Amino acid sequence: MPQPMTFAVAGYGAWGRFHARAIADTVDGRLVAIAARSEANARAAQTDFPDATVHREWEALIRDPAIEAIAIAAPNHLHAPIAVAALEAGKHVLVEKPMANTLADCDRIVAVAKRSKGQLSVGLQCRLSPQWGRIRALIDDGTVGRPQHVHISLFRHPYRQGSDGWRYDRGRVGSWILEEPVHFFDLALWYLAGSGRPIAVQALGAGEPGMQPVLSVLMRFPDGATAAVNQVLAGFEHHQTVELVGTTGAVRATWSAGTARSLDAATTLRLKRAGQDNFEDLPITRSGEVFELAKQTQASILAFRSGKSLVSAEEGRAAVAVCLAAEESARRGAAVIAVD
């Protein structure tokens, strides 16, 4: 049986702590180091994981030859420099979404990932959800037929500030479209993989493009399939809905809790087959980002060991490209006719 993979976590904010706990709890991983920039977070990291070495700079993780893999949970603008440096050092990388804030940085990561002996996976863990991931399984097994339309909506409380207010700083967050809707765009692309990449993106939202508290985005695909993504950051609690209509069925899933980190959410997953009068309630195991994060850690280790990626750099780039197209559409007030 192989020894546990030695892991470090870059960033020890709210989600960095979840990454650290997920690594420490998996039988195939061993948390050996944490990089926490602020003194308060460094103290918390040392208290939470006394056996791990705590650094104040992420560069120390790159230099340590004992570290096999790095989970990047730092603010968005640091994803690309840490990922590139880690891959160049031959380490495996699990990078939180978004992969990067710009396509140029995405391309840098894609290029270095191709030549690195380490593997890179992008943290789009919604794919592992017993709700959102099950929808893809219903597509793959032909239950709903060919997907024709996807609708994903989120109604939630405003974003937390993040350490030093980074989530409200365009230079660091990139945009609020990259912060959470990137998950939804990835799901839409994943569900509609048979339709190709979107050929038109139309976004509407009041306020500074990319930082709108209310955003609506419509996408059109080459075969006529469509997808809609809606996000409200001026609401309360955390309520997500995913709906898909196919040629032989339709599915609707909901998730509601006080926050995205809740361990006890109200969930539904309902399927209606063509020709039936009533829908079916499909069984769901415990669902939520915290549970999916733990699944992602274990699955990433297995993928790294087999020389594969759970979610590739190319897939991470595709989700970022749609986010940036939506931001451009909102700025122009017109549809963007192609997505790079």
C-alpha atoms as a PDB file:
ATOM      1  CA  MET A   1       0.000   0.000   0.000  1.00  0.00           C
ATOM      2  CA  PRO A   2       1.508   3.382  -1.002  1.00  0.00           C
ATOM      3  CA  GLN A   3       2.486   5.906   1.611  1.00  0.00           C
ATOM      4  CA  PRO A   4       0.103   8.867   2.077  1.00  0.00           C
ATOM      5  CA  MET A   5       0.797  11.692  -0.365  1.00  0.00           C
ATOM      6  CA  THR A   6       2.457  14.640   1.382  1.00  0.00           C
ATOM      7  CA  PHE A   7       0.357  17.774   0.912  1.00  0.00           C
ATOM      8  CA  ALA A   8       0.677  21.459   1.672  1.00  0.00           C
ATOM      9  CA  VAL A   9      -2.042  24.112   1.633  1.00  0.00           C
ATOM     10  CA  ALA A  10      -1.330  27.593   0.292  1.00  0.00           C
ATOM     11  CA  GLY A  11      -3.762  29.947   2.027  1.00  0.00           C
ATOM     12  CA  TYR A  12      -5.530  29.506   5.353  1.00  0.00           C
ATOM     13  CA  GLY A  13      -8.711  31.518   5.054  1.00  0.00           C
ATOM     14  CA  ALA A  14     -12.178  29.965   5.378  1.00  0.00           C
ATOM     15  CA  TRP A  15     -11.800  27.512   2.478  1.00  0.00           C
ATOM     16  CA  GLY A  16      -8.106  26.907   3.111  1.00  0.00           C
ATOM     17  CA  ARG A  17      -9.100  25.501   6.496  1.00  0.00           C
ATOM     18  CA  PHE A  18     -11.555  23.131   4.830  1.00  0.00           C
ATOM     19  CA  HIS A  19      -8.860  22.011   2.392  1.00  0.00           C
ATOM     20  CA  ALA A  20      -6.456  21.386   5.258  1.00  0.00           C
ATOM     21  CA  ARG A  21      -9.029  19.374   7.204  1.00  0.00           C
ATOM     22  CA  ALA A  22      -9.970  17.346   4.110  1.00  0.00           C
ATOM     23  CA  ILE A  23      -6.319  16.457   3.502  1.00  0.00           C
ATOM     24  CA  ALA A  24      -5.682  15.595   7.146  1.00  0.00           C
ATOM     25  CA  ASP A  25      -8.759  13.362   7.271  1.00  0.00           C
ATOM     26  CA  THR A  26      -8.125  11.345   4.117  1.00  0.00           C
ATOM     27  CA  VAL A  27      -6.225   8.083   4.518  1.00  0.00           C
ATOM     28  CA  ASP A  28      -4.217   8.720   1.335  1.00  0.00           C
ATOM     29  CA  GLY A  29      -2.989  12.196   2.249  1.00  0.00           C
ATOM     30  CA  ARG A  30      -0.765  13.705   4.924  1.00  0.00           C
ATOM     31  CA  LEU A  31      -0.809  17.431   5.672  1.00  0.00           C
ATOM     32  CA  VAL A  32       2.790  18.495   6.253  1.00  0.00           C
ATOM     33  CA  ALA A  33       2.814  22.254   5.663  1.00  0.00           C
ATOM     34  CA  ILE A  34       0.597  25.339   5.466  1.00  0.00           C
ATOM     35  CA  ALA A  35       1.315  28.819   4.114  1.00  0.00           C
ATOM     36  CA  ALA A  36      -0.688  31.540   5.890  1.00  0.00           C
ATOM     37  CA  ARG A  37       0.181  35.154   5.124  1.00  0.00           C
ATOM     38  CA  SER A  38      -1.400  36.880   8.122  1.00  0.00           C
ATOM     39  CA  GLU A  39      -0.137  36.385  11.655  1.00  0.00           C
ATOM     40  CA  ALA A  40      -3.635  35.521  12.886  1.00  0.00           C
ATOM     41  CA  ASN A  41      -4.137  32.824  10.258  1.00  0.00           C
ATOM     42  CA  ALA A  42      -0.645  31.442  10.862  1.00  0.00           C
ATOM     43  CA  ARG A  43      -1.383  31.113  14.573  1.00  0.00           C
ATOM     44  CA  ALA A  44      -4.706  29.418  13.812  1.00  0.00           C
ATOM     45  CA  ALA A  45      -3.020  26.997  11.405  1.00  0.00           C
ATOM     46  CA  GLN A  46      -0.411  26.016  13.976  1.00  0.00           C
ATOM     47  CA  THR A  47      -3.074  25.505  16.636  1.00  0.00           C
ATOM     48  CA  ASP A  48      -5.297  23.458  14.328  1.00  0.00           C
ATOM     49  CA  PHE A  49      -2.466  21.331  12.899  1.00  0.00           C
ATOM     50  CA  PRO A  50       0.458  21.307  15.354  1.00  0.00           C
ATOM     51  CA  ASP A  51       2.321  18.632  13.378  1.00  0.00           C
ATOM     52  CA  ALA A  52       2.401  20.741  10.197  1.00  0.00           C
ATOM     53  CA  THR A  53       5.074  23.314   9.414  1.00  0.00           C
ATOM     54  CA  VAL A  54       3.522  26.772   9.061  1.00  0.00           C
ATOM     55  CA  HIS A  55       5.111  29.312   6.717  1.00  0.00           C
ATOM     56  CA  ARG A  56       4.196  32.944   6.133  1.00  0.00           C
ATOM     57  CA  GLU A  57       5.079  32.861   2.399  1.00  0.00           C
ATOM     58  CA  TRP A  58       3.867  30.369  -0.197  1.00  0.00           C
ATOM     59  CA  GLU A  59       7.279  30.253  -1.883  1.00  0.00           C
ATOM     60  CA  ALA A  60       8.550  28.131   1.008  1.00  0.00           C
ATOM     61  CA  LEU A  61       6.193  25.347  -0.071  1.00  0.00           C
ATOM     62  CA  ILE A  62       7.743  25.285  -3.540  1.00  0.00           C
ATOM     63  CA  ARG A  63      11.257  24.928  -2.160  1.00  0.00           C
ATOM     64  CA  ASP A  64      10.447  22.000   0.125  1.00  0.00           C
ATOM     65  CA  PRO A  65      11.311  18.718  -1.674  1.00  0.00           C
ATOM     66  CA  ALA A  66       9.304  16.689   0.868  1.00  0.00           C
ATOM     67  CA  ILE A  67       6.027  18.192  -0.396  1.00  0.00           C
ATOM     68  CA  GLU A  68       4.502  16.159  -3.224  1.00  0.00           C
ATOM     69  CA  ALA A  69       1.310  18.164  -3.788  1.00  0.00           C
ATOM     70  CA  ILE A  70      -0.052  21.637  -3.057  1.00  0.00           C
ATOM     71  CA  ALA A  71      -3.683  22.663  -2.616  1.00  0.00           C
ATOM     72  CA  ILE A  72      -4.011  26.331  -3.583  1.00  0.00           C
ATOM     73  CA  ALA A  73      -6.661  28.149  -1.557  1.00  0.00           C
ATOM     74  CA  ALA A  74      -5.144  31.629  -1.692  1.00  0.00           C
ATOM     75  CA  PRO A  75      -6.943  34.695  -3.166  1.00  0.00           C
ATOM     76  CA  ASN A  76      -7.668  34.357  -6.889  1.00  0.00           C
ATOM     77  CA  HIS A  77      -4.837  36.546  -8.184  1.00  0.00           C
ATOM     78  CA  LEU A  78      -2.293  34.169  -6.611  1.00  0.00           C
ATOM     79  CA  HIS A  79      -3.639  31.001  -8.236  1.00  0.00           C
ATOM     80  CA  ALA A  80      -1.575  31.329 -11.417  1.00  0.00           C
ATOM     81  CA  PRO A  81       1.827  32.216  -9.890  1.00  0.00           C
ATOM     82  CA  ILE A  82       1.595  29.477  -7.259  1.00  0.00           C
ATOM     83  CA  ALA A  83       0.331  26.863  -9.739  1.00  0.00           C
ATOM     84  CA  VAL A  84       3.051  27.661 -12.291  1.00  0.00           C
ATOM     85  CA  ALA A  85       5.826  27.595  -9.685  1.00  0.00           C
ATOM     86  CA  ALA A  86       4.567  24.336  -8.165  1.00  0.00           C
ATOM     87  CA  LEU A  87       4.240  22.594 -11.531  1.00  0.00           C
ATOM     88  CA  GLU A  88       7.681  23.785 -12.580  1.00  0.00           C
ATOM     89  CA  ALA A  89       9.002  22.207  -9.369  1.00  0.00           C
ATOM     90  CA  GLY A  90       7.340  18.927 -10.390  1.00  0.00           C
ATOM     91  CA  LYS A  91       4.650  19.002  -7.716  1.00  0.00           C
ATOM     92  CA  HIS A  92       1.013  18.014  -8.139  1.00  0.00           C
ATOM     93  CA  VAL A  93      -1.436  20.907  -7.877  1.00  0.00           C
ATOM     94  CA  LEU A  94      -5.062  21.150  -6.810  1.00  0.00           C
ATOM     95  CA  VAL A  95      -5.979  24.768  -7.550  1.00  0.00           C
ATOM     96  CA  GLU A  96      -9.190  26.343  -6.302  1.00  0.00           C
ATOM     97  CA  LYS A  97     -11.518  27.901  -8.829  1.00  0.00           C
ATOM     98  CA  PRO A  98     -11.069  30.024 -10.814  1.00  0.00           C
ATOM     99  CA  MET A  99      -7.911  28.522 -12.267  1.00  0.00           C
ATOM    100  CA  ALA A 100      -6.740  32.077 -12.960  1.00  0.00           C
ATOM    101  CA  ASN A 101      -8.170  35.574 -13.456  1.00  0.00           C
ATOM    102  CA  THR A 102      -7.106  36.000 -17.097  1.00  0.00           C
ATOM    103  CA  LEU A 103      -6.865  33.816 -20.186  1.00  0.00           C
ATOM    104  CA  ALA A 104      -3.173  34.699 -20.462  1.00  0.00           C
ATOM    105  CA  ASP A 105      -2.566  33.232 -17.010  1.00  0.00           C
ATOM    106  CA  CYS A 106      -4.727  30.216 -17.869  1.00  0.00           C
ATOM    107  CA  ASP A 107      -2.584  29.650 -20.940  1.00  0.00           C
ATOM    108  CA  ARG A 108       0.578  29.812 -18.822  1.00  0.00           C
ATOM    109  CA  ILE A 109      -0.809  27.119 -16.539  1.00  0.00           C
ATOM    110  CA  VAL A 110      -1.941  24.945 -19.462  1.00  0.00           C
ATOM    111  CA  ALA A 111       1.514  25.172 -21.043  1.00  0.00           C
ATOM    112  CA  VAL A 112       3.489  24.322 -17.907  1.00  0.00           C
ATOM    113  CA  ALA A 113       1.058  21.534 -16.956  1.00  0.00           C
ATOM    114  CA  LYS A 114       1.775  19.816 -20.273  1.00  0.00           C
ATOM    115  CA  ARG A 115       5.503  19.614 -19.596  1.00  0.00           C
ATOM    116  CA  SER A 116       5.482  19.108 -15.825  1.00  0.00           C
ATOM    117  CA  LYS A 117       5.917  15.700 -14.219  1.00  0.00           C
ATOM    118  CA  GLY A 118       3.263  16.848 -11.751  1.00  0.00           C
ATOM    119  CA  GLN A 119      -0.461  16.769 -12.465  1.00  0.00           C
ATOM    120  CA  LEU A 120      -2.867  19.699 -12.149  1.00  0.00           C
ATOM    121  CA  SER A 121      -6.539  19.533 -11.236  1.00  0.00           C
ATOM    122  CA  VAL A 122      -8.941  22.484 -10.943  1.00  0.00           C
ATOM    123  CA  GLY A 123     -11.195  22.687  -7.893  1.00  0.00           C
ATOM    124  CA  LEU A 124     -14.571  22.497  -9.610  1.00  0.00           C
ATOM    125  CA  GLN A 125     -15.883  20.043  -7.062  1.00  0.00           C
ATOM    126  CA  CYS A 126     -19.566  20.535  -7.910  1.00  0.00           C
ATOM    127  CA  ARG A 127     -18.995  17.726 -10.432  1.00  0.00           C
ATOM    128  CA  LEU A 128     -18.650  15.358  -7.469  1.00  0.00           C
ATOM    129  CA  SER A 129     -21.985  16.336  -5.941  1.00  0.00           C
ATOM    130  CA  PRO A 130     -24.612  13.588  -5.492  1.00  0.00           C
ATOM    131  CA  GLN A 131     -27.000  16.162  -6.977  1.00  0.00           C
ATOM    132  CA  TRP A 132     -25.160  18.129  -9.667  1.00  0.00           C
ATOM    133  CA  GLY A 133     -22.901  15.206 -10.583  1.00  0.00           C
ATOM    134  CA  ARG A 134     -25.869  12.819 -10.712  1.00  0.00           C
ATOM    135  CA  ILE A 135     -27.426  15.030 -13.395  1.00  0.00           C
ATOM    136  CA  ARG A 136     -24.424  14.353 -15.633  1.00  0.00           C
ATOM    137  CA  ALA A 137     -24.847  10.623 -14.959  1.00  0.00           C
ATOM    138  CA  LEU A 138     -28.492  10.864 -16.092  1.00  0.00           C
ATOM    139  CA  ILE A 139     -27.241  12.451 -19.316  1.00  0.00           C
ATOM    140  CA  ASP A 140     -24.556   9.822 -19.837  1.00  0.00           C
ATOM    141  CA  ASP A 141     -26.895   6.873 -19.345  1.00  0.00           C
ATOM    142  CA  GLY A 142     -29.477   8.336 -21.754  1.00  0.00           C
ATOM    143  CA  THR A 143     -32.205   8.838 -19.134  1.00  0.00           C
ATOM    144  CA  VAL A 144     -32.960  12.444 -20.162  1.00  0.00           C
ATOM    145  CA  GLY A 145     -31.880  12.144 -23.793  1.00  0.00           C
ATOM    146  CA  ARG A 146     -29.930  14.901 -25.488  1.00  0.00           C
ATOM    147  CA  PRO A 147     -29.761  18.021 -23.279  1.00  0.00           C
ATOM    148  CA  GLN A 148     -31.550  21.022 -24.781  1.00  0.00           C
ATOM    149  CA  HIS A 149     -31.519  23.584 -21.978  1.00  0.00           C
ATOM    150  CA  VAL A 150     -29.730  24.076 -18.647  1.00  0.00           C
ATOM    151  CA  HIS A 151     -30.757  26.614 -16.023  1.00  0.00           C
ATOM    152  CA  ILE A 152     -28.645  27.266 -12.916  1.00  0.00           C
ATOM    153  CA  SER A 153     -29.530  29.906 -10.317  1.00  0.00           C
ATOM    154  CA  LEU A 154     -28.122  31.014  -6.990  1.00  0.00           C
ATOM    155  CA  PHE A 155     -29.834  33.273  -4.430  1.00  0.00           C
ATOM    156  CA  ARG A 156     -27.555  34.041  -1.516  1.00  0.00           C
ATOM    157  CA  HIS A 157     -26.224  36.546   1.009  1.00  0.00           C
ATOM    158  CA  PRO A 158     -23.471  38.948  -0.135  1.00  0.00           C
ATOM    159  CA  TYR A 159     -19.939  37.631  -0.386  1.00  0.00           C
ATOM    160  CA  ARG A 160     -17.715  37.710   2.665  1.00  0.00           C
ATOM    161  CA  GLN A 161     -14.927  40.287   2.476  1.00  0.00           C
ATOM    162  CA  GLY A 162     -12.117  37.728   2.680  1.00  0.00           C
ATOM    163  CA  SER A 163      -8.720  38.421   4.249  1.00  0.00           C
ATOM    164  CA  ASP A 164      -7.899  42.116   3.864  1.00  0.00           C
ATOM    165  CA  GLY A 165     -11.069  42.546   1.773  1.00  0.00           C
ATOM    166  CA  TRP A 166      -9.607  40.728  -1.254  1.00  0.00           C
ATOM    167  CA  ARG A 167     -13.000  39.530  -2.504  1.00  0.00           C
ATOM    168  CA  TYR A 168     -14.086  43.157  -3.059  1.00  0.00           C
ATOM    169  CA  ASP A 169     -10.843  44.175  -4.780  1.00  0.00           C
ATOM    170  CA  ARG A 170     -10.934  43.759  -8.584  1.00  0.00           C
ATOM    171  CA  GLY A 171      -7.166  43.383  -8.703  1.00  0.00           C
ATOM    172  CA  ARG A 172      -7.295  40.296  -6.525  1.00  0.00           C
ATOM    173  CA  VAL A 173     -10.705  38.688  -7.033  1.00  0.00           C
ATOM    174  CA  GLY A 174     -10.747  39.285 -10.801  1.00  0.00           C
ATOM    175  CA  SER A 175     -14.529  39.565 -10.785  1.00  0.00           C
ATOM    176  CA  TRP A 176     -17.500  38.200  -8.885  1.00  0.00           C
ATOM    177  CA  ILE A 177     -18.368  36.243 -12.043  1.00  0.00           C
ATOM    178  CA  LEU A 178     -15.114  34.324 -11.570  1.00  0.00           C
ATOM    179  CA  GLU A 179     -15.721  33.867  -7.867  1.00  0.00           C
ATOM    180  CA  GLU A 180     -18.796  31.603  -7.831  1.00  0.00           C
ATOM    181  CA  PRO A 181     -20.617  31.519 -11.203  1.00  0.00           C
ATOM    182  CA  VAL A 182     -17.484  29.826 -12.585  1.00  0.00           C
ATOM    183  CA  HIS A 183     -18.884  26.672 -10.932  1.00  0.00           C
ATOM    184  CA  PHE A 184     -22.167  27.116 -12.795  1.00  0.00           C
ATOM    185  CA  PHE A 185     -20.560  27.803 -16.156  1.00  0.00           C
ATOM    186  CA  ASP A 186     -18.424  24.704 -15.679  1.00  0.00           C
ATOM    187  CA  LEU A 187     -21.526  22.616 -14.949  1.00  0.00           C
ATOM    188  CA  ALA A 188     -23.311  24.012 -18.013  1.00  0.00           C
ATOM    189  CA  LEU A 189     -20.309  23.218 -20.243  1.00  0.00           C
ATOM    190  CA  TRP A 190     -20.047  19.757 -18.680  1.00  0.00           C
ATOM    191  CA  TYR A 191     -23.730  18.943 -19.153  1.00  0.00           C
ATOM    192  CA  LEU A 192     -23.721  20.322 -22.707  1.00  0.00           C
ATOM    193  CA  ALA A 193     -20.367  18.842 -23.714  1.00  0.00           C
ATOM    194  CA  GLY A 194     -22.067  17.173 -26.689  1.00  0.00           C
ATOM    195  CA  SER A 195     -23.196  20.576 -27.960  1.00  0.00           C
ATOM    196  CA  GLY A 196     -19.698  22.075 -28.241  1.00  0.00           C
ATOM    197  CA  ARG A 197     -18.595  25.391 -26.772  1.00  0.00           C
ATOM    198  CA  PRO A 198     -21.021  28.349 -26.614  1.00  0.00           C
ATOM    199  CA  ILE A 199     -21.058  30.596 -29.675  1.00  0.00           C
ATOM    200  CA  ALA A 200     -22.851  33.528 -28.055  1.00  0.00           C
ATOM    201  CA  VAL A 201     -22.975  34.876 -24.497  1.00  0.00           C
ATOM    202  CA  GLN A 202     -25.342  37.641 -23.353  1.00  0.00           C
ATOM    203  CA  ALA A 203     -25.068  39.076 -19.835  1.00  0.00           C
ATOM    204  CA  LEU A 204     -27.231  41.614 -18.008  1.00  0.00           C
ATOM    205  CA  GLY A 205     -26.484  43.135 -14.644  1.00  0.00           C
ATOM    206  CA  ALA A 206     -26.689  46.509 -12.946  1.00  0.00           C
ATOM    207  CA  GLY A 207     -23.508  48.079 -11.621  1.00  0.00           C
ATOM    208  CA  GLU A 208     -19.820  47.660 -12.402  1.00  0.00           C
ATOM    209  CA  PRO A 209     -19.368  44.885 -14.983  1.00  0.00           C
ATOM    210  CA  GLY A 210     -18.072  41.797 -13.279  1.00  0.00           C
ATOM    211  CA  MET A 211     -19.026  43.030  -9.810  1.00  0.00           C
ATOM    212  CA  GLN A 212     -22.822  43.145 -10.150  1.00  0.00           C
ATOM    213  CA  PRO A 213     -24.822  41.905  -7.158  1.00  0.00           C
ATOM    214  CA  VAL A 214     -27.437  40.611  -9.618  1.00  0.00           C
ATOM    215  CA  LEU A 215     -26.383  38.921 -12.856  1.00  0.00           C
ATOM    216  CA  SER A 216     -28.195  37.029 -15.616  1.00  0.00           C
ATOM    217  CA  VAL A 217     -26.335  35.256 -18.421  1.00  0.00           C
ATOM    218  CA  LEU A 218     -27.723  33.412 -21.455  1.00  0.00           C
ATOM    219  CA  MET A 219     -25.585  31.148 -23.644  1.00  0.00           C
ATOM    220  CA  ARG A 220     -26.298  29.673 -27.069  1.00  0.00           C
ATOM    221  CA  PHE A 221     -24.550  26.559 -28.413  1.00  0.00           C
ATOM    222  CA  PRO A 222     -23.827  25.490 -32.009  1.00  0.00           C
ATOM    223  CA  ASP A 223     -26.593  22.868 -32.088  1.00  0.00           C
ATOM    224  CA  GLY A 224     -29.253  25.234 -30.708  1.00  0.00           C
ATOM    225  CA  ALA A 225     -28.981  24.171 -27.064  1.00  0.00           C
ATOM    226  CA  THR A 226     -29.122  27.001 -24.517  1.00  0.00           C
ATOM    227  CA  ALA A 227     -28.043  27.614 -20.936  1.00  0.00           C
ATOM    228  CA  ALA A 228     -28.968  30.323 -18.429  1.00  0.00           C
ATOM    229  CA  VAL A 229     -27.030  31.264 -15.296  1.00  0.00           C
ATOM    230  CA  ASN A 230     -28.472  33.649 -12.720  1.00  0.00           C
ATOM    231  CA  GLN A 231     -26.853  34.859  -9.513  1.00  0.00           C
ATOM    232  CA  VAL A 232     -28.252  37.115  -6.788  1.00  0.00           C
ATOM    233  CA  LEU A 233     -25.724  38.304  -4.201  1.00  0.00           C
ATOM    234  CA  ALA A 234     -28.201  40.617  -2.445  1.00  0.00           C
ATOM    235  CA  GLY A 235     -30.358  37.903  -0.932  1.00  0.00           C
ATOM    236  CA  PHE A 236     -30.173  35.757   2.182  1.00  0.00           C
ATOM    237  CA  GLU A 237     -28.920  32.307   3.101  1.00  0.00           C
ATOM    238  CA  HIS A 238     -27.704  30.077   0.224  1.00  0.00           C
ATOM    239  CA  HIS A 239     -30.159  28.581  -2.244  1.00  0.00           C
ATOM    240  CA  GLN A 240     -29.076  26.876  -5.476  1.00  0.00           C
ATOM    241  CA  THR A 241     -31.223  25.366  -8.227  1.00  0.00           C
ATOM    242  CA  VAL A 242     -30.143  23.333 -11.253  1.00  0.00           C
ATOM    243  CA  GLU A 243     -32.653  22.409 -13.955  1.00  0.00           C
ATOM    244  CA  LEU A 244     -32.065  20.488 -17.177  1.00  0.00           C
ATOM    245  CA  VAL A 245     -34.434  19.649 -20.000  1.00  0.00           C
ATOM    246  CA  GLY A 246     -33.540  16.885 -22.444  1.00  0.00           C
ATOM    247  CA  THR A 247     -35.286  15.202 -25.342  1.00  0.00           C
ATOM    248  CA  THR A 248     -36.604  12.356 -23.166  1.00  0.00           C
ATOM    249  CA  GLY A 249     -36.764  13.784 -19.673  1.00  0.00           C
ATOM    250  CA  ALA A 250     -36.216  16.673 -17.289  1.00  0.00           C
ATOM    251  CA  VAL A 251     -34.465  16.958 -13.942  1.00  0.00           C
ATOM    252  CA  ARG A 252     -34.577  19.577 -11.171  1.00  0.00           C
ATOM    253  CA  ALA A 253     -32.339  19.747  -8.096  1.00  0.00           C
ATOM    254  CA  THR A 254     -32.319  22.208  -5.196  1.00  0.00           C
ATOM    255  CA  TRP A 255     -29.975  22.893  -2.274  1.00  0.00           C
ATOM    256  CA  SER A 256     -30.856  25.284   0.575  1.00  0.00           C
ATOM    257  CA  ALA A 257     -29.026  26.133   3.798  1.00  0.00           C
ATOM    258  CA  GLY A 258     -27.860  29.057   5.865  1.00  0.00           C
ATOM    259  CA  THR A 259     -24.461  29.195   4.161  1.00  0.00           C
ATOM    260  CA  ALA A 260     -22.521  27.269   1.506  1.00  0.00           C
ATOM    261  CA  ARG A 261     -20.514  25.641   4.312  1.00  0.00           C
ATOM    262  CA  SER A 262     -23.546  24.126   6.008  1.00  0.00           C
ATOM    263  CA  LEU A 263     -23.451  20.408   6.831  1.00  0.00           C
ATOM    264  CA  ASP A 264     -27.231  20.142   7.031  1.00  0.00           C
ATOM    265  CA  ALA A 265     -29.023  21.356   3.905  1.00  0.00           C
ATOM    266  CA  ALA A 266     -32.507  20.814   2.513  1.00  0.00           C
ATOM    267  CA  THR A 267     -32.027  19.021  -0.809  1.00  0.00           C
ATOM    268  CA  THR A 268     -34.099  17.635  -3.659  1.00  0.00           C
ATOM    269  CA  LEU A 269     -33.346  15.767  -6.876  1.00  0.00           C
ATOM    270  CA  ARG A 270     -36.363  15.102  -9.079  1.00  0.00           C
ATOM    271  CA  LEU A 271     -36.622  13.372 -12.427  1.00  0.00           C
ATOM    272  CA  LYS A 272     -39.551  13.355 -14.843  1.00  0.00           C
ATOM    273  CA  ARG A 273     -39.305  10.918 -17.726  1.00  0.00           C
ATOM    274  CA  ALA A 274     -40.983  11.616 -21.058  1.00  0.00           C
ATOM    275  CA  GLY A 275     -44.504  10.182 -21.165  1.00  0.00           C
ATOM    276  CA  GLN A 276     -44.899  10.016 -17.399  1.00  0.00           C
ATOM    277  CA  ASP A 277     -47.377  12.168 -15.511  1.00  0.00           C
ATOM    278  CA  ASN A 278     -45.404  12.394 -12.268  1.00  0.00           C
ATOM    279  CA  PHE A 279     -41.804  13.001 -11.277  1.00  0.00           C
ATOM    280  CA  GLU A 280     -39.591  10.691  -9.228  1.00  0.00           C
ATOM    281  CA  ASP A 281     -37.718  11.766  -6.111  1.00  0.00           C
ATOM    282  CA  LEU A 282     -34.226  10.328  -6.518  1.00  0.00           C
ATOM    283  CA  PRO A 283     -32.269   9.397  -3.369  1.00  0.00           C
ATOM    284  CA  ILE A 284     -29.490  11.780  -2.314  1.00  0.00           C
ATOM    285  CA  THR A 285     -26.569  11.182   0.027  1.00  0.00           C
ATOM    286  CA  ARG A 286     -25.268  14.146   2.056  1.00  0.00           C
ATOM    287  CA  SER A 287     -24.683  17.007  -0.343  1.00  0.00           C
ATOM    288  CA  GLY A 288     -22.775  20.265  -0.029  1.00  0.00           C
ATOM    289  CA  GLU A 289     -19.454  21.907  -0.839  1.00  0.00           C
ATOM    290  CA  VAL A 290     -17.794  20.685   2.359  1.00  0.00           C
ATOM    291  CA  PHE A 291     -18.601  17.062   1.519  1.00  0.00           C
ATOM    292  CA  GLU A 292     -17.591  17.494  -2.117  1.00  0.00           C
ATOM    293  CA  LEU A 293     -14.311  19.091  -1.030  1.00  0.00           C
ATOM    294  CA  ALA A 294     -13.452  15.948   0.934  1.00  0.00           C
ATOM    295  CA  LYS A 295     -14.364  13.757  -2.053  1.00  0.00           C
ATOM    296  CA  GLN A 296     -12.243  15.963  -4.296  1.00  0.00           C
ATOM    297  CA  THR A 297      -9.171  15.540  -2.094  1.00  0.00           C
ATOM    298  CA  GLN A 298      -9.352  11.749  -2.150  1.00  0.00           C
ATOM    299  CA  ALA A 299     -10.190  11.603  -5.870  1.00  0.00           C
ATOM    300  CA  SER A 300      -7.375  14.027  -6.727  1.00  0.00           C
ATOM    301  CA  ILE A 301      -4.794  11.908  -4.911  1.00  0.00           C
ATOM    302  CA  LEU A 302      -5.914   8.802  -6.809  1.00  0.00           C
ATOM    303  CA  ALA A 303      -5.832  10.742 -10.089  1.00  0.00           C
ATOM    304  CA  PHE A 304      -2.381  12.191  -9.388  1.00  0.00           C
ATOM    305  CA  ARG A 305      -1.000   8.746  -8.650  1.00  0.00           C
ATOM    306  CA  SER A 306      -2.362   7.399 -11.926  1.00  0.00           C
ATOM    307  CA  GLY A 307      -0.910  10.298 -13.928  1.00  0.00           C
ATOM    308  CA  LYS A 308      -4.280  11.893 -14.587  1.00  0.00           C
ATOM    309  CA  SER A 309      -6.208  15.038 -13.704  1.00  0.00           C
ATOM    310  CA  LEU A 310      -9.630  15.124 -12.076  1.00  0.00           C
ATOM    311  CA  VAL A 311     -10.534  18.387 -13.871  1.00  0.00           C
ATOM    312  CA  SER A 312      -7.946  19.377 -16.461  1.00  0.00           C
ATOM    313  CA  ALA A 313      -6.305  22.743 -16.998  1.00  0.00           C
ATOM    314  CA  GLU A 314      -8.062  22.937 -20.376  1.00  0.00           C
ATOM    315  CA  GLU A 315     -11.454  22.471 -18.700  1.00  0.00           C
ATOM    316  CA  GLY A 316     -10.590  25.066 -16.076  1.00  0.00           C
ATOM    317  CA  ARG A 317      -9.623  27.484 -18.842  1.00  0.00           C
ATOM    318  CA  ALA A 318     -12.919  26.903 -20.683  1.00  0.00           C
ATOM    319  CA  ALA A 319     -14.927  27.891 -17.600  1.00  0.00           C
ATOM    320  CA  VAL A 320     -12.826  31.042 -17.142  1.00  0.00           C
ATOM    321  CA  ALA A 321     -13.292  31.936 -20.837  1.00  0.00           C
ATOM    322  CA  VAL A 322     -17.090  31.902 -20.474  1.00  0.00           C
ATOM    323  CA  CYS A 323     -16.879  34.001 -17.290  1.00  0.00           C
ATOM    324  CA  LEU A 324     -14.767  36.609 -19.072  1.00  0.00           C
ATOM    325  CA  ALA A 325     -17.126  36.583 -22.061  1.00  0.00           C
ATOM    326  CA  ALA A 326     -20.039  37.278 -19.696  1.00  0.00           C
ATOM    327  CA  GLU A 327     -18.122  40.156 -18.143  1.00  0.00           C
ATOM    328  CA  GLU A 328     -17.361  41.589 -21.582  1.00  0.00           C
ATOM    329  CA  SER A 329     -20.999  41.255 -22.632  1.00  0.00           C
ATOM    330  CA  ALA A 330     -22.158  43.098 -19.514  1.00  0.00           C
ATOM    331  CA  ARG A 331     -19.657  45.868 -20.218  1.00  0.00           C
ATOM    332  CA  ARG A 332     -20.669  46.206 -23.872  1.00  0.00           C
ATOM    333  CA  GLY A 333     -24.380  45.820 -23.268  1.00  0.00           C
ATOM    334  CA  ALA A 334     -24.442  43.359 -26.179  1.00  0.00           C
ATOM    335  CA  ALA A 335     -23.909  39.676 -26.880  1.00  0.00           C
ATOM    336  CA  VAL A 336     -20.383  38.382 -27.317  1.00  0.00           C
ATOM    337  CA  ILE A 337     -20.520  36.327 -30.482  1.00  0.00           C
ATOM    338  CA  ALA A 338     -17.670  33.918 -29.761  1.00  0.00           C
ATOM    339  CA  VAL A 339     -15.980  32.463 -26.730  1.00  0.00           C
ATOM    340  CA  ASP A 340     -12.216  31.842 -26.937  1.00  0.00           C
END
